[in-house]
PDB file of all heavy atoms in Angstrom:
ATOM      1  N   THR A   1      -4.120  -6.151   2.821  1.00  0.00           N
ATOM      2  CA  THR A   1      -4.370  -7.588   2.934  1.00  0.00           C
ATOM      3  C   THR A   1      -3.556  -8.346   1.890  1.00  0.00           C
ATOM      4  O   THR A   1      -2.920  -9.355   2.210  1.00  0.00           O
ATOM      5  CB  THR A   1      -5.875  -7.890   2.768  1.00  0.00           C
ATOM      6  OG1 THR A   1      -6.595  -7.169   3.772  1.00  0.00           O
ATOM      7  CG2 THR A   1      -6.159  -9.374   2.917  1.00  0.00           C
ATOM      8  N   ARG A   2      -3.551  -7.846   0.666  1.00  0.00           N
ATOM      9  CA  ARG A   2      -2.784  -8.515  -0.398  1.00  0.00           C
ATOM     10  C   ARG A   2      -1.277  -8.389  -0.146  1.00  0.00           C
ATOM     11  O   ARG A   2      -0.526  -9.321  -0.385  1.00  0.00           O
ATOM     12  CB  ARG A   2      -3.165  -7.940  -1.756  1.00  0.00           C
ATOM     13  CG  ARG A   2      -4.615  -8.283  -2.100  1.00  0.00           C
ATOM     14  CD  ARG A   2      -5.036  -7.658  -3.373  1.00  0.00           C
ATOM     15  NE  ARG A   2      -4.768  -8.631  -4.432  1.00  0.00           N
ATOM     16  CZ  ARG A   2      -4.915  -8.367  -5.710  1.00  0.00           C
ATOM     17  NH1 ARG A   2      -5.303  -7.170  -6.099  1.00  0.00           N
ATOM     18  NH2 ARG A   2      -4.665  -9.292  -6.610  1.00  0.00           N
ATOM     19  N   MET A   3      -0.849  -7.213   0.341  1.00  0.00           N
ATOM     20  CA  MET A   3       0.562  -7.033   0.658  1.00  0.00           C
ATOM     21  C   MET A   3       0.969  -8.020   1.759  1.00  0.00           C
ATOM     22  O   MET A   3       2.018  -8.655   1.676  1.00  0.00           O
ATOM     23  CB  MET A   3       0.841  -5.599   1.105  1.00  0.00           C
ATOM     24  CG  MET A   3       2.306  -5.357   1.376  1.00  0.00           C
ATOM     25  SD  MET A   3       2.794  -3.643   1.716  1.00  0.00           S
ATOM     26  CE  MET A   3       1.444  -2.955   2.604  1.00  0.00           C
ATOM     27  N   GLY A   4       0.142  -8.162   2.773  1.00  0.00           N
ATOM     28  CA  GLY A   4       0.428  -9.109   3.849  1.00  0.00           C
ATOM     29  C   GLY A   4       0.488 -10.537   3.344  1.00  0.00           C
ATOM     30  O   GLY A   4       1.342 -11.326   3.782  1.00  0.00           O
ATOM     31  N   THR A   5      -0.396 -10.867   2.412  1.00  0.00           N
ATOM     32  CA  THR A   5      -0.394 -12.210   1.816  1.00  0.00           C
ATOM     33  C   THR A   5       0.914 -12.458   1.068  1.00  0.00           C
ATOM     34  O   THR A   5       1.500 -13.536   1.167  1.00  0.00           O
ATOM     35  CB  THR A   5      -1.593 -12.385   0.863  1.00  0.00           C
ATOM     36  OG1 THR A   5      -2.793 -12.239   1.635  1.00  0.00           O
ATOM     37  CG2 THR A   5      -1.588 -13.738   0.196  1.00  0.00           C
ATOM     38  N   ARG A   6       1.379 -11.443   0.340  1.00  0.00           N
ATOM     39  CA  ARG A   6       2.649 -11.598  -0.394  1.00  0.00           C
ATOM     40  C   ARG A   6       3.811 -11.773   0.573  1.00  0.00           C
ATOM     41  O   ARG A   6       4.713 -12.590   0.344  1.00  0.00           O
ATOM     42  CB  ARG A   6       2.866 -10.403  -1.323  1.00  0.00           C
ATOM     43  CG  ARG A   6       1.936 -10.418  -2.529  1.00  0.00           C
ATOM     44  CD  ARG A   6       2.278  -9.336  -3.529  1.00  0.00           C
ATOM     45  NE  ARG A   6       1.873  -8.006  -3.118  1.00  0.00           N
ATOM     46  CZ  ARG A   6       0.695  -7.462  -3.369  1.00  0.00           C
ATOM     47  NH1 ARG A   6      -0.215  -8.133  -4.036  1.00  0.00           N
ATOM     48  NH2 ARG A   6       0.424  -6.233  -2.978  1.00  0.00           N
ATOM     49  N   ILE A   7       3.805 -11.028   1.681  1.00  0.00           N
ATOM     50  CA  ILE A   7       4.864 -11.178   2.697  1.00  0.00           C
ATOM     51  C   ILE A   7       4.826 -12.597   3.252  1.00  0.00           C
ATOM     52  O   ILE A   7       5.856 -13.256   3.372  1.00  0.00           O
ATOM     53  CB  ILE A   7       4.707 -10.120   3.812  1.00  0.00           C
ATOM     54  CG1 ILE A   7       5.034  -8.724   3.260  1.00  0.00           C
ATOM     55  CG2 ILE A   7       5.582 -10.458   5.019  1.00  0.00           C
ATOM     56  CD1 ILE A   7       4.658  -7.575   4.183  1.00  0.00           C
ATOM     57  N   ARG A   8       3.635 -13.086   3.572  1.00  0.00           N
ATOM     58  CA  ARG A   8       3.483 -14.439   4.102  1.00  0.00           C
ATOM     59  C   ARG A   8       4.008 -15.480   3.090  1.00  0.00           C
ATOM     60  O   ARG A   8       4.712 -16.425   3.464  1.00  0.00           O
ATOM     61  CB  ARG A   8       2.030 -14.739   4.433  1.00  0.00           C
ATOM     62  CG  ARG A   8       1.829 -16.151   5.009  1.00  0.00           C
ATOM     63  CD  ARG A   8       0.375 -16.504   5.277  1.00  0.00           C
ATOM     64  NE  ARG A   8      -0.215 -15.605   6.261  1.00  0.00           N
ATOM     65  CZ  ARG A   8      -1.210 -14.759   6.006  1.00  0.00           C
ATOM     66  NH1 ARG A   8      -1.752 -14.688   4.809  1.00  0.00           N
ATOM     67  NH2 ARG A   8      -1.680 -13.989   6.962  1.00  0.00           N
ATOM     68  N   GLN A   9       3.680 -15.309   1.818  1.00  0.00           N
ATOM     69  CA  GLN A   9       4.108 -16.260   0.790  1.00  0.00           C
ATOM     70  C   GLN A   9       5.630 -16.318   0.687  1.00  0.00           C
ATOM     71  O   GLN A   9       6.204 -17.408   0.611  1.00  0.00           O
ATOM     72  CB  GLN A   9       3.508 -15.879  -0.567  1.00  0.00           C
ATOM     73  CG  GLN A   9       2.033 -16.146  -0.669  1.00  0.00           C
ATOM     74  CD  GLN A   9       1.412 -15.552  -1.933  1.00  0.00           C
ATOM     75  OE1 GLN A   9       1.955 -14.627  -2.551  1.00  0.00           O
ATOM     76  NE2 GLN A   9       0.256 -16.081  -2.309  1.00  0.00           N
ATOM     77  N   VAL A  10       6.276 -15.152   0.710  1.00  0.00           N
ATOM     78  CA  VAL A  10       7.740 -15.133   0.624  1.00  0.00           C
ATOM     79  C   VAL A  10       8.343 -15.762   1.874  1.00  0.00           C
ATOM     80  O   VAL A  10       9.290 -16.547   1.801  1.00  0.00           O
ATOM     81  CB  VAL A  10       8.265 -13.693   0.401  1.00  0.00           C
ATOM     82  CG1 VAL A  10       9.783 -13.659   0.441  1.00  0.00           C
ATOM     83  CG2 VAL A  10       7.749 -13.134  -0.921  1.00  0.00           C
ATOM     84  N   ARG A  11       7.770 -15.431   3.032  1.00  0.00           N
ATOM     85  CA  ARG A  11       8.269 -16.008   4.295  1.00  0.00           C
ATOM     86  C   ARG A  11       8.166 -17.525   4.276  1.00  0.00           C
ATOM     87  O   ARG A  11       9.118 -18.237   4.600  1.00  0.00           O
ATOM     88  CB  ARG A  11       7.472 -15.443   5.481  1.00  0.00           C
ATOM     89  CG  ARG A  11       7.819 -16.102   6.817  1.00  0.00           C
ATOM     90  CD  ARG A  11       6.984 -15.582   7.954  1.00  0.00           C
ATOM     91  NE  ARG A  11       5.553 -15.734   7.844  1.00  0.00           N
ATOM     92  CZ  ARG A  11       4.886 -16.879   8.042  1.00  0.00           C
ATOM     93  NH1 ARG A  11       5.525 -17.997   8.338  1.00  0.00           N
ATOM     94  NH2 ARG A  11       3.562 -16.915   7.953  1.00  0.00           N
ATOM     95  N   LYS A  12       7.009 -18.035   3.861  1.00  0.00           N
ATOM     96  CA  LYS A  12       6.806 -19.484   3.829  1.00  0.00           C
ATOM     97  C   LYS A  12       7.692 -20.156   2.785  1.00  0.00           C
ATOM     98  O   LYS A  12       8.175 -21.271   3.005  1.00  0.00           O
ATOM     99  CB  LYS A  12       5.335 -19.807   3.569  1.00  0.00           C
ATOM    100  CG  LYS A  12       4.468 -19.562   4.788  1.00  0.00           C
ATOM    101  CD  LYS A  12       3.047 -20.030   4.563  1.00  0.00           C
ATOM    102  CE  LYS A  12       2.254 -19.958   5.860  1.00  0.00           C
ATOM    103  NZ  LYS A  12       0.941 -20.576   5.736  1.00  0.00           N
ATOM    104  N   ALA A  13       7.931 -19.476   1.669  1.00  0.00           N
ATOM    105  CA  ALA A  13       8.817 -20.026   0.635  1.00  0.00           C
ATOM    106  C   ALA A  13      10.236 -20.212   1.182  1.00  0.00           C
ATOM    107  O   ALA A  13      10.960 -21.110   0.749  1.00  0.00           O
ATOM    108  CB  ALA A  13       8.833 -19.128  -0.592  1.00  0.00           C
ATOM    109  N   LYS A  14      10.606 -19.388   2.141  1.00  0.00           N
ATOM    110  CA  LYS A  14      11.919 -19.517   2.780  1.00  0.00           C
ATOM    111  C   LYS A  14      11.900 -20.567   3.888  1.00  0.00           C
ATOM    112  O   LYS A  14      12.930 -20.875   4.465  1.00  0.00           O
ATOM    113  CB  LYS A  14      12.377 -18.171   3.351  1.00  0.00           C
ATOM    114  CG  LYS A  14      12.712 -17.158   2.273  1.00  0.00           C
ATOM    115  CD  LYS A  14      13.299 -15.919   2.887  1.00  0.00           C
ATOM    116  CE  LYS A  14      13.810 -14.975   1.835  1.00  0.00           C
ATOM    117  NZ  LYS A  14      14.996 -15.452   1.136  1.00  0.00           N
ATOM    118  N   GLY A  15      10.703 -21.062   4.219  1.00  0.00           N
ATOM    119  CA  GLY A  15      10.583 -22.060   5.273  1.00  0.00           C
ATOM    120  C   GLY A  15      10.667 -21.466   6.664  1.00  0.00           C
ATOM    121  O   GLY A  15      10.990 -22.170   7.627  1.00  0.00           O
ATOM    122  N   TRP A  16      10.384 -20.179   6.795  1.00  0.00           N
ATOM    123  CA  TRP A  16      10.489 -19.490   8.072  1.00  0.00           C
ATOM    124  C   TRP A  16       9.144 -19.428   8.768  1.00  0.00           C
ATOM    125  O   TRP A  16       8.104 -19.258   8.146  1.00  0.00           O
ATOM    126  CB  TRP A  16      10.967 -18.056   7.882  1.00  0.00           C
ATOM    127  CG  TRP A  16      12.364 -17.905   7.384  1.00  0.00           C
ATOM    128  CD1 TRP A  16      13.295 -18.882   7.205  1.00  0.00           C
ATOM    129  CD2 TRP A  16      12.987 -16.689   6.983  1.00  0.00           C
ATOM    130  NE1 TRP A  16      14.462 -18.342   6.720  1.00  0.00           N
ATOM    131  CE2 TRP A  16      14.299 -17.002   6.579  1.00  0.00           C
ATOM    132  CE3 TRP A  16      12.559 -15.374   6.924  1.00  0.00           C
ATOM    133  CZ2 TRP A  16      15.193 -16.043   6.126  1.00  0.00           C
ATOM    134  CZ3 TRP A  16      13.439 -14.409   6.475  1.00  0.00           C
ATOM    135  CH2 TRP A  16      14.745 -14.741   6.086  1.00  0.00           C
ATOM    136  N   SER A  17       9.190 -19.489  10.080  1.00  0.00           N
ATOM    137  CA  SER A  17       7.992 -19.253  10.892  1.00  0.00           C
ATOM    138  C   SER A  17       7.817 -17.746  11.042  1.00  0.00           C
ATOM    139  O   SER A  17       8.736 -16.967  10.749  1.00  0.00           O
ATOM    140  CB  SER A  17       8.157 -19.886  12.276  1.00  0.00           C
ATOM    141  OG  SER A  17       9.188 -19.219  12.989  1.00  0.00           O
ATOM    142  N   GLN A  18       6.662 -17.345  11.548  1.00  0.00           N
ATOM    143  CA  GLN A  18       6.453 -15.924  11.830  1.00  0.00           C
ATOM    144  C   GLN A  18       7.460 -15.446  12.868  1.00  0.00           C
ATOM    145  O   GLN A  18       7.956 -14.320  12.785  1.00  0.00           O
ATOM    146  CB  GLN A  18       5.033 -15.670  12.336  1.00  0.00           C
ATOM    147  CG  GLN A  18       3.991 -15.662  11.264  1.00  0.00           C
ATOM    148  CD  GLN A  18       2.615 -15.301  11.803  1.00  0.00           C
ATOM    149  OE1 GLN A  18       2.308 -15.540  12.967  1.00  0.00           O
ATOM    150  NE2 GLN A  18       1.795 -14.724  10.951  1.00  0.00           N
ATOM    151  N   ASP A  19       7.761 -16.295  13.827  1.00  0.00           N
ATOM    152  CA  ASP A  19       8.696 -15.927  14.881  1.00  0.00           C
ATOM    153  C   ASP A  19      10.075 -15.604  14.315  1.00  0.00           C
ATOM    154  O   ASP A  19      10.708 -14.629  14.730  1.00  0.00           O
ATOM    155  CB  ASP A  19       8.790 -17.046  15.925  1.00  0.00           C
ATOM    156  CG  ASP A  19       9.565 -16.628  17.155  1.00  0.00           C
ATOM    157  OD1 ASP A  19       9.279 -15.533  17.694  1.00  0.00           O
ATOM    158  OD2 ASP A  19      10.460 -17.385  17.573  1.00  0.00           O
ATOM    159  N   VAL A  20      10.539 -16.399  13.360  1.00  0.00           N
ATOM    160  CA  VAL A  20      11.864 -16.171  12.756  1.00  0.00           C
ATOM    161  C   VAL A  20      11.895 -14.814  12.055  1.00  0.00           C
ATOM    162  O   VAL A  20      12.804 -14.008  12.279  1.00  0.00           O
ATOM    163  CB  VAL A  20      12.227 -17.315  11.775  1.00  0.00           C
ATOM    164  CG1 VAL A  20      13.455 -16.963  10.948  1.00  0.00           C
ATOM    165  CG2 VAL A  20      12.455 -18.619  12.533  1.00  0.00           C
ATOM    166  N   LEU A  21      10.897 -14.550  11.199  1.00  0.00           N
ATOM    167  CA  LEU A  21      10.885 -13.274  10.476  1.00  0.00           C
ATOM    168  C   LEU A  21      10.719 -12.103  11.446  1.00  0.00           C
ATOM    169  O   LEU A  21      11.396 -11.082  11.302  1.00  0.00           O
ATOM    170  CB  LEU A  21       9.771 -13.249   9.415  1.00  0.00           C
ATOM    171  CG  LEU A  21       9.656 -11.954   8.613  1.00  0.00           C
ATOM    172  CD1 LEU A  21      10.983 -11.599   7.921  1.00  0.00           C
ATOM    173  CD2 LEU A  21       8.524 -12.053   7.605  1.00  0.00           C
ATOM    174  N   ALA A  22       9.854 -12.238  12.415  1.00  0.00           N
ATOM    175  CA  ALA A  22       9.639 -11.159  13.389  1.00  0.00           C
ATOM    176  C   ALA A  22      10.938 -10.801  14.098  1.00  0.00           C
ATOM    177  O   ALA A  22      11.268  -9.615  14.246  1.00  0.00           O
ATOM    178  CB  ALA A  22       8.569 -11.571  14.401  1.00  0.00           C
ATOM    179  N   LYS A  23      11.697 -11.811  14.514  1.00  0.00           N
ATOM    180  CA  LYS A  23      12.974 -11.548  15.200  1.00  0.00           C
ATOM    181  C   LYS A  23      13.961 -10.861  14.276  1.00  0.00           C
ATOM    182  O   LYS A  23      14.677  -9.954  14.692  1.00  0.00           O
ATOM    183  CB  LYS A  23      13.561 -12.850  15.747  1.00  0.00           C
ATOM    184  CG  LYS A  23      12.846 -13.324  16.985  1.00  0.00           C
ATOM    185  CD  LYS A  23      13.402 -14.631  17.518  1.00  0.00           C
ATOM    186  CE  LYS A  23      12.622 -15.052  18.752  1.00  0.00           C
ATOM    187  NZ  LYS A  23      12.968 -16.403  19.199  1.00  0.00           N
ATOM    188  N   LYS A  24      14.001 -11.286  13.006  1.00  0.00           N
ATOM    189  CA  LYS A  24      14.923 -10.668  12.050  1.00  0.00           C
ATOM    190  C   LYS A  24      14.561  -9.205  11.805  1.00  0.00           C
ATOM    191  O   LYS A  24      15.421  -8.398  11.473  1.00  0.00           O
ATOM    192  CB  LYS A  24      14.913 -11.422  10.723  1.00  0.00           C
ATOM    193  CG  LYS A  24      15.589 -12.779  10.770  1.00  0.00           C
ATOM    194  CD  LYS A  24      15.510 -13.469   9.411  1.00  0.00           C
ATOM    195  CE  LYS A  24      16.203 -14.806   9.420  1.00  0.00           C
ATOM    196  NZ  LYS A  24      17.653 -14.708   9.360  1.00  0.00           N
ATOM    197  N   CYS A  25      13.280  -8.860  11.960  1.00  0.00           N
ATOM    198  CA  CYS A  25      12.801  -7.496  11.694  1.00  0.00           C
ATOM    199  C   CYS A  25      12.704  -6.639  12.947  1.00  0.00           C
ATOM    200  O   CYS A  25      12.423  -5.444  12.861  1.00  0.00           O
ATOM    201  CB  CYS A  25      11.430  -7.558  11.020  1.00  0.00           C
ATOM    202  SG  CYS A  25      11.479  -8.348   9.416  1.00  0.00           S
ATOM    203  N   GLY A  26      12.887  -7.244  14.105  1.00  0.00           N
ATOM    204  CA  GLY A  26      12.815  -6.491  15.351  1.00  0.00           C
ATOM    205  C   GLY A  26      11.400  -6.101  15.742  1.00  0.00           C
ATOM    206  O   GLY A  26      11.190  -5.055  16.356  1.00  0.00           O
ATOM    207  N   ILE A  27      10.421  -6.949  15.374  1.00  0.00           N
ATOM    208  CA  ILE A  27       9.025  -6.696  15.749  1.00  0.00           C
ATOM    209  C   ILE A  27       8.480  -7.936  16.450  1.00  0.00           C
ATOM    210  O   ILE A  27       9.094  -9.002  16.417  1.00  0.00           O
ATOM    211  CB  ILE A  27       8.148  -6.342  14.526  1.00  0.00           C
ATOM    212  CG1 ILE A  27       8.151  -7.479  13.492  1.00  0.00           C
ATOM    213  CG2 ILE A  27       8.608  -5.031  13.902  1.00  0.00           C
ATOM    214  CD1 ILE A  27       7.238  -7.257  12.296  1.00  0.00           C
ATOM    215  N   SER A  28       7.316  -7.792  17.056  1.00  0.00           N
ATOM    216  CA  SER A  28       6.725  -8.945  17.733  1.00  0.00           C
ATOM    217  C   SER A  28       6.063  -9.868  16.717  1.00  0.00           C
ATOM    218  O   SER A  28       5.656  -9.440  15.630  1.00  0.00           O
ATOM    219  CB  SER A  28       5.686  -8.490  18.764  1.00  0.00           C
ATOM    220  OG  SER A  28       4.528  -7.993  18.105  1.00  0.00           O
ATOM    221  N   MET A  29       5.940 -11.124  17.093  1.00  0.00           N
ATOM    222  CA  MET A  29       5.270 -12.095  16.234  1.00  0.00           C
ATOM    223  C   MET A  29       3.803 -11.699  16.059  1.00  0.00           C
ATOM    224  O   MET A  29       3.230 -11.863  14.975  1.00  0.00           O
ATOM    225  CB  MET A  29       5.391 -13.498  16.838  1.00  0.00           C
ATOM    226  CG  MET A  29       4.969 -14.589  15.872  1.00  0.00           C
ATOM    227  SD  MET A  29       5.314 -16.245  16.478  1.00  0.00           S
ATOM    228  CE  MET A  29       4.147 -16.391  17.805  1.00  0.00           C
ATOM    229  N   SER A  30       3.201 -11.155  17.092  1.00  0.00           N
ATOM    230  CA  SER A  30       1.813 -10.710  17.019  1.00  0.00           C
ATOM    231  C   SER A  30       1.646  -9.607  15.969  1.00  0.00           C
ATOM    232  O   SER A  30       0.716  -9.639  15.157  1.00  0.00           O
ATOM    233  CB  SER A  30       1.361 -10.199  18.389  1.00  0.00           C
ATOM    234  OG  SER A  30       0.088  -9.620  18.308  1.00  0.00           O
ATOM    235  N   PHE A  31       2.560  -8.634  15.980  1.00  0.00           N
ATOM    236  CA  PHE A  31       2.486  -7.545  15.011  1.00  0.00           C
ATOM    237  C   PHE A  31       2.685  -8.080  13.596  1.00  0.00           C
ATOM    238  O   PHE A  31       1.975  -7.670  12.669  1.00  0.00           O
ATOM    239  CB  PHE A  31       3.507  -6.455  15.341  1.00  0.00           C
ATOM    240  CG  PHE A  31       3.421  -5.249  14.445  1.00  0.00           C
ATOM    241  CD1 PHE A  31       2.217  -4.603  14.214  1.00  0.00           C
ATOM    242  CD2 PHE A  31       4.553  -4.738  13.837  1.00  0.00           C
ATOM    243  CE1 PHE A  31       2.127  -3.482  13.395  1.00  0.00           C
ATOM    244  CE2 PHE A  31       4.484  -3.628  13.019  1.00  0.00           C
ATOM    245  CZ  PHE A  31       3.275  -2.993  12.797  1.00  0.00           C
ATOM    246  N   LEU A  32       3.626  -9.000  13.410  1.00  0.00           N
ATOM    247  CA  LEU A  32       3.832  -9.599  12.087  1.00  0.00           C
ATOM    248  C   LEU A  32       2.557 -10.307  11.630  1.00  0.00           C
ATOM    249  O   LEU A  32       2.180 -10.202  10.463  1.00  0.00           O
ATOM    250  CB  LEU A  32       5.019 -10.566  12.082  1.00  0.00           C
ATOM    251  CG  LEU A  32       5.283 -11.256  10.740  1.00  0.00           C
ATOM    252  CD1 LEU A  32       5.573 -10.241   9.635  1.00  0.00           C
ATOM    253  CD2 LEU A  32       6.416 -12.252  10.868  1.00  0.00           C
ATOM    254  N   GLY A  33       1.891 -10.986  12.534  1.00  0.00           N
ATOM    255  CA  GLY A  33       0.635 -11.644  12.188  1.00  0.00           C
ATOM    256  C   GLY A  33      -0.394 -10.641  11.687  1.00  0.00           C
ATOM    257  O   GLY A  33      -1.099 -10.891  10.702  1.00  0.00           O
ATOM    258  N   HIS A  34      -0.468  -9.492  12.351  1.00  0.00           N
ATOM    259  CA  HIS A  34      -1.388  -8.432  11.916  1.00  0.00           C
ATOM    260  C   HIS A  34      -0.993  -7.906  10.535  1.00  0.00           C
ATOM    261  O   HIS A  34      -1.858  -7.662   9.691  1.00  0.00           O
ATOM    262  CB  HIS A  34      -1.404  -7.274  12.919  1.00  0.00           C
ATOM    263  CG  HIS A  34      -2.257  -7.523  14.113  1.00  0.00           C
ATOM    264  ND1 HIS A  34      -3.635  -7.499  14.058  1.00  0.00           N
ATOM    265  CD2 HIS A  34      -1.927  -7.807  15.400  1.00  0.00           C
ATOM    266  CE1 HIS A  34      -4.116  -7.742  15.265  1.00  0.00           C
ATOM    267  NE2 HIS A  34      -3.100  -7.942  16.102  1.00  0.00           N
ATOM    268  N   ILE A  35       0.304  -7.734  10.311  1.00  0.00           N
ATOM    269  CA  ILE A  35       0.781  -7.257   9.009  1.00  0.00           C
ATOM    270  C   ILE A  35       0.383  -8.256   7.925  1.00  0.00           C
ATOM    271  O   ILE A  35      -0.137  -7.875   6.868  1.00  0.00           O
ATOM    272  CB  ILE A  35       2.311  -7.042   9.022  1.00  0.00           C
ATOM    273  CG1 ILE A  35       2.674  -5.841   9.912  1.00  0.00           C
ATOM    274  CG2 ILE A  35       2.847  -6.853   7.597  1.00  0.00           C
ATOM    275  CD1 ILE A  35       4.156  -5.715  10.207  1.00  0.00           C
ATOM    276  N   GLU A  36       0.616  -9.534   8.178  1.00  0.00           N
ATOM    277  CA  GLU A  36       0.308 -10.559   7.183  1.00  0.00           C
ATOM    278  C   GLU A  36      -1.200 -10.670   6.909  1.00  0.00           C
ATOM    279  O   GLU A  36      -1.597 -11.051   5.823  1.00  0.00           O
ATOM    280  CB  GLU A  36       0.882 -11.909   7.603  1.00  0.00           C
ATOM    281  CG  GLU A  36       2.400 -11.960   7.498  1.00  0.00           C
ATOM    282  CD  GLU A  36       2.972 -13.342   7.773  1.00  0.00           C
ATOM    283  OE1 GLU A  36       2.231 -14.251   8.223  1.00  0.00           O
ATOM    284  OE2 GLU A  36       4.189 -13.517   7.533  1.00  0.00           O
ATOM    285  N   ARG A  37      -2.021 -10.333   7.888  1.00  0.00           N
ATOM    286  CA  ARG A  37      -3.479 -10.350   7.687  1.00  0.00           C
ATOM    287  C   ARG A  37      -3.998  -9.020   7.142  1.00  0.00           C
ATOM    288  O   ARG A  37      -5.156  -8.927   6.742  1.00  0.00           O
ATOM    289  CB  ARG A  37      -4.197 -10.677   9.005  1.00  0.00           C
ATOM    290  CG  ARG A  37      -4.018 -12.125   9.445  1.00  0.00           C
ATOM    291  CD  ARG A  37      -4.882 -12.465  10.658  1.00  0.00           C
ATOM    292  NE  ARG A  37      -4.638 -11.617  11.823  1.00  0.00           N
ATOM    293  CZ  ARG A  37      -3.638 -11.769  12.691  1.00  0.00           C
ATOM    294  NH1 ARG A  37      -2.773 -12.754  12.530  1.00  0.00           N
ATOM    295  NH2 ARG A  37      -3.519 -10.967  13.732  1.00  0.00           N
ATOM    296  N   GLY A  38      -3.156  -8.004   7.153  1.00  0.00           N
ATOM    297  CA  GLY A  38      -3.556  -6.691   6.660  1.00  0.00           C
ATOM    298  C   GLY A  38      -4.401  -5.907   7.634  1.00  0.00           C
ATOM    299  O   GLY A  38      -5.091  -4.960   7.242  1.00  0.00           O
TER     300      GLY A  38
END
């Protein structure tokens, strides 16, 4: 959960949506959401 929070914080600091980061990582936005929630 804390790791996901840190990922979310860095993503938001870059001004990126979940969709942008998910595409850059080759994963679904849904899976990224699960990662960010832990």
